[in-house]
N, C-alpha and C. Protein backbone atom coordinates (compact mmCIF):
# COMPACT_ATOMS: atom_id res chain seq x y z
N UNK A 1 -5.97 -9.75 6.86
CA UNK A 1 -6.36 -9.02 5.63
C UNK A 1 -5.16 -8.23 5.14
N UNK A 2 -5.17 -7.96 3.86
CA UNK A 2 -4.04 -7.28 3.26
C UNK A 2 -4.59 -6.26 2.22
N UNK A 3 -3.77 -5.32 1.87
CA UNK A 3 -4.14 -4.34 0.86
C UNK A 3 -3.41 -4.60 -0.42
N UNK A 4 -3.88 -4.04 -1.50
CA UNK A 4 -3.20 -4.14 -2.80
C UNK A 4 -3.28 -2.79 -3.50
N UNK A 5 -2.31 -2.54 -4.37
CA UNK A 5 -2.25 -1.30 -5.14
C UNK A 5 -2.79 -1.62 -6.52
N UNK A 6 -3.73 -0.83 -6.99
CA UNK A 6 -4.30 -0.99 -8.31
C UNK A 6 -3.30 -0.42 -9.33
N UNK A 7 -2.66 -1.31 -10.09
CA UNK A 7 -1.59 -0.90 -10.99
C UNK A 7 -2.03 0.12 -12.02
N UNK A 8 -3.25 0.00 -12.52
CA UNK A 8 -3.75 0.92 -13.53
C UNK A 8 -4.00 2.33 -13.00
N UNK A 9 -4.04 2.47 -11.68
CA UNK A 9 -4.31 3.74 -11.04
C UNK A 9 -3.05 4.34 -10.46
N UNK A 10 -2.09 3.51 -10.02
CA UNK A 10 -0.90 4.01 -9.36
C UNK A 10 -0.07 4.85 -10.27
N UNK A 11 0.37 6.01 -9.78
CA UNK A 11 1.21 6.92 -10.59
C UNK A 11 2.68 6.72 -10.31
N UNK A 12 3.03 5.87 -9.33
CA UNK A 12 4.41 5.63 -9.00
C UNK A 12 5.04 6.77 -8.23
N UNK A 13 4.24 7.51 -7.50
CA UNK A 13 4.74 8.71 -6.77
C UNK A 13 5.63 8.33 -5.59
N UNK A 14 5.52 7.13 -5.07
CA UNK A 14 6.30 6.57 -3.94
C UNK A 14 5.93 7.11 -2.57
N UNK A 15 4.84 7.82 -2.45
CA UNK A 15 4.44 8.37 -1.13
C UNK A 15 4.20 7.25 -0.11
N UNK A 16 3.68 6.15 -0.58
CA UNK A 16 3.28 5.06 0.30
C UNK A 16 4.45 4.25 0.90
N UNK A 17 5.51 4.06 0.10
CA UNK A 17 6.58 3.16 0.47
C UNK A 17 7.21 3.46 1.84
N UNK A 18 7.65 4.67 2.11
CA UNK A 18 8.28 4.92 3.41
C UNK A 18 7.33 4.90 4.58
N UNK A 19 6.02 4.94 4.34
CA UNK A 19 5.05 4.97 5.42
C UNK A 19 4.75 3.57 6.00
N UNK A 20 5.09 2.53 5.28
CA UNK A 20 4.73 1.15 5.70
C UNK A 20 5.64 0.69 6.82
N UNK A 21 5.08 0.38 8.01
CA UNK A 21 5.89 -0.06 9.12
C UNK A 21 6.38 -1.50 8.99
N UNK A 22 5.84 -2.23 8.01
CA UNK A 22 6.20 -3.62 7.80
C UNK A 22 7.09 -3.86 6.58
N UNK A 23 7.51 -2.78 5.93
CA UNK A 23 8.27 -2.88 4.67
C UNK A 23 7.60 -3.76 3.66
N UNK A 24 6.29 -3.68 3.56
CA UNK A 24 5.51 -4.53 2.64
C UNK A 24 5.39 -3.92 1.27
N UNK A 25 5.77 -2.67 1.08
CA UNK A 25 5.63 -1.98 -0.20
C UNK A 25 6.97 -1.85 -0.85
N UNK A 26 7.01 -2.26 -2.11
CA UNK A 26 8.25 -2.12 -2.91
C UNK A 26 7.93 -1.70 -4.35
N UNK A 27 8.96 -1.24 -5.03
CA UNK A 27 8.78 -0.79 -6.41
C UNK A 27 9.15 -1.89 -7.38
N UNK A 28 8.29 -2.10 -8.38
CA UNK A 28 8.52 -3.09 -9.43
C UNK A 28 8.07 -2.45 -10.77
N UNK A 29 8.99 -2.31 -11.69
CA UNK A 29 8.68 -1.74 -13.00
C UNK A 29 8.02 -0.37 -12.93
N UNK A 30 8.59 0.49 -12.06
CA UNK A 30 8.12 1.87 -11.88
C UNK A 30 6.75 2.01 -11.24
N UNK A 31 6.20 0.94 -10.70
CA UNK A 31 4.98 0.96 -9.95
C UNK A 31 5.23 0.32 -8.62
N UNK A 32 4.32 0.53 -7.67
CA UNK A 32 4.51 -0.01 -6.34
C UNK A 32 3.55 -1.16 -6.10
N UNK A 33 4.02 -2.15 -5.34
CA UNK A 33 3.23 -3.35 -5.02
C UNK A 33 3.30 -3.57 -3.52
N UNK A 34 2.30 -4.26 -3.02
CA UNK A 34 2.23 -4.60 -1.57
C UNK A 34 2.36 -6.12 -1.47
N UNK A 35 3.30 -6.58 -0.67
CA UNK A 35 3.47 -8.00 -0.38
C UNK A 35 2.39 -8.43 0.61
N UNK A 36 1.44 -9.25 0.17
CA UNK A 36 0.32 -9.65 1.08
C UNK A 36 0.80 -10.43 2.29
N UNK A 37 1.96 -11.04 2.20
CA UNK A 37 2.51 -11.80 3.32
C UNK A 37 3.02 -10.86 4.46
N UNK A 38 3.34 -9.60 4.09
CA UNK A 38 3.84 -8.66 5.07
C UNK A 38 2.83 -7.63 5.50
N UNK A 39 1.83 -7.37 4.69
CA UNK A 39 0.84 -6.31 4.97
C UNK A 39 -0.11 -6.74 6.08
N UNK A 40 -0.22 -5.90 7.08
CA UNK A 40 -1.15 -6.08 8.20
C UNK A 40 -2.16 -4.95 8.28
N UNK A 41 -2.21 -4.11 7.23
CA UNK A 41 -3.04 -2.91 7.23
C UNK A 41 -2.69 -2.02 8.44
N UNK A 42 -1.43 -2.07 8.82
CA UNK A 42 -0.85 -1.25 9.91
C UNK A 42 -1.42 -1.66 11.31
N UNK A 43 -2.12 -2.75 11.39
CA UNK A 43 -2.65 -3.20 12.67
C UNK A 43 -1.53 -3.36 13.69
N UNK A 44 -1.71 -2.80 14.84
CA UNK A 44 -0.70 -2.84 15.88
C UNK A 44 0.27 -1.70 15.83
N UNK A 45 0.22 -0.92 14.75
CA UNK A 45 1.09 0.25 14.60
C UNK A 45 0.27 1.55 14.58
N UNK A 46 -0.77 1.54 13.76
CA UNK A 46 -1.59 2.75 13.56
C UNK A 46 -3.09 2.35 13.52
N UNK A 47 -3.96 3.34 13.69
CA UNK A 47 -5.39 3.10 13.65
C UNK A 47 -5.91 2.88 12.21
N UNK A 48 -5.19 3.45 11.24
CA UNK A 48 -5.58 3.29 9.85
C UNK A 48 -4.35 2.97 8.99
N UNK A 49 -4.53 2.29 7.89
CA UNK A 49 -3.41 2.01 7.01
C UNK A 49 -2.73 3.32 6.53
N UNK A 50 -1.45 3.44 6.80
CA UNK A 50 -0.77 4.71 6.46
C UNK A 50 -0.58 4.88 4.99
N UNK A 51 -0.46 3.80 4.22
CA UNK A 51 -0.31 3.97 2.75
C UNK A 51 -1.59 4.59 2.15
N UNK A 52 -2.74 4.18 2.63
CA UNK A 52 -3.99 4.75 2.15
C UNK A 52 -4.06 6.24 2.56
N UNK A 53 -3.64 6.54 3.77
CA UNK A 53 -3.71 7.90 4.27
C UNK A 53 -2.86 8.89 3.47
N UNK A 54 -1.73 8.44 2.97
CA UNK A 54 -0.83 9.34 2.21
C UNK A 54 -0.99 9.29 0.70
N UNK A 55 -1.69 8.29 0.19
CA UNK A 55 -1.81 8.13 -1.25
C UNK A 55 -2.66 9.29 -1.82
N UNK A 56 -2.12 9.97 -2.82
CA UNK A 56 -2.89 11.11 -3.41
C UNK A 56 -4.02 10.68 -4.38
N UNK A 57 -4.07 9.39 -4.67
CA UNK A 57 -5.08 8.92 -5.63
C UNK A 57 -6.15 8.11 -4.91
N UNK A 58 -7.38 8.55 -5.03
CA UNK A 58 -8.51 7.80 -4.41
C UNK A 58 -8.64 6.42 -5.01
N UNK A 59 -8.92 5.48 -4.14
CA UNK A 59 -9.19 4.08 -4.53
C UNK A 59 -7.98 3.44 -5.27
N UNK A 60 -6.80 3.90 -4.98
CA UNK A 60 -5.60 3.26 -5.58
C UNK A 60 -5.14 2.07 -4.72
N UNK A 61 -5.28 2.21 -3.41
CA UNK A 61 -4.93 1.14 -2.50
C UNK A 61 -6.20 0.62 -1.87
N UNK A 62 -6.48 -0.66 -2.14
CA UNK A 62 -7.76 -1.26 -1.74
C UNK A 62 -7.53 -2.58 -1.08
N UNK A 63 -8.53 -3.14 -0.37
CA UNK A 63 -8.40 -4.46 0.22
C UNK A 63 -8.15 -5.51 -0.86
N UNK A 64 -7.29 -6.48 -0.57
CA UNK A 64 -7.03 -7.57 -1.48
C UNK A 64 -8.23 -8.48 -1.53
N UNK A 65 -8.69 -8.79 -2.74
CA UNK A 65 -9.84 -9.69 -2.89
C UNK A 65 -9.47 -11.07 -2.48
N UNK A 66 -10.34 -11.73 -1.75
CA UNK A 66 -10.07 -13.10 -1.26
C UNK A 66 -10.23 -14.11 -2.38
């Protein structure tokens, strides 16, 4: 499973980027995106996804729809 950042909600604050242990988060056009090939929802590193934990906007980072 992977997470995604809702572009319409993201403020570009960058709080999430340094928290990702897999370097799955990057900046594109002043917004942040999650590479679904790299995102593991922090499994094996943390109990909860760290990007969600530090994001100041509710429901900005959500599970990627299948």
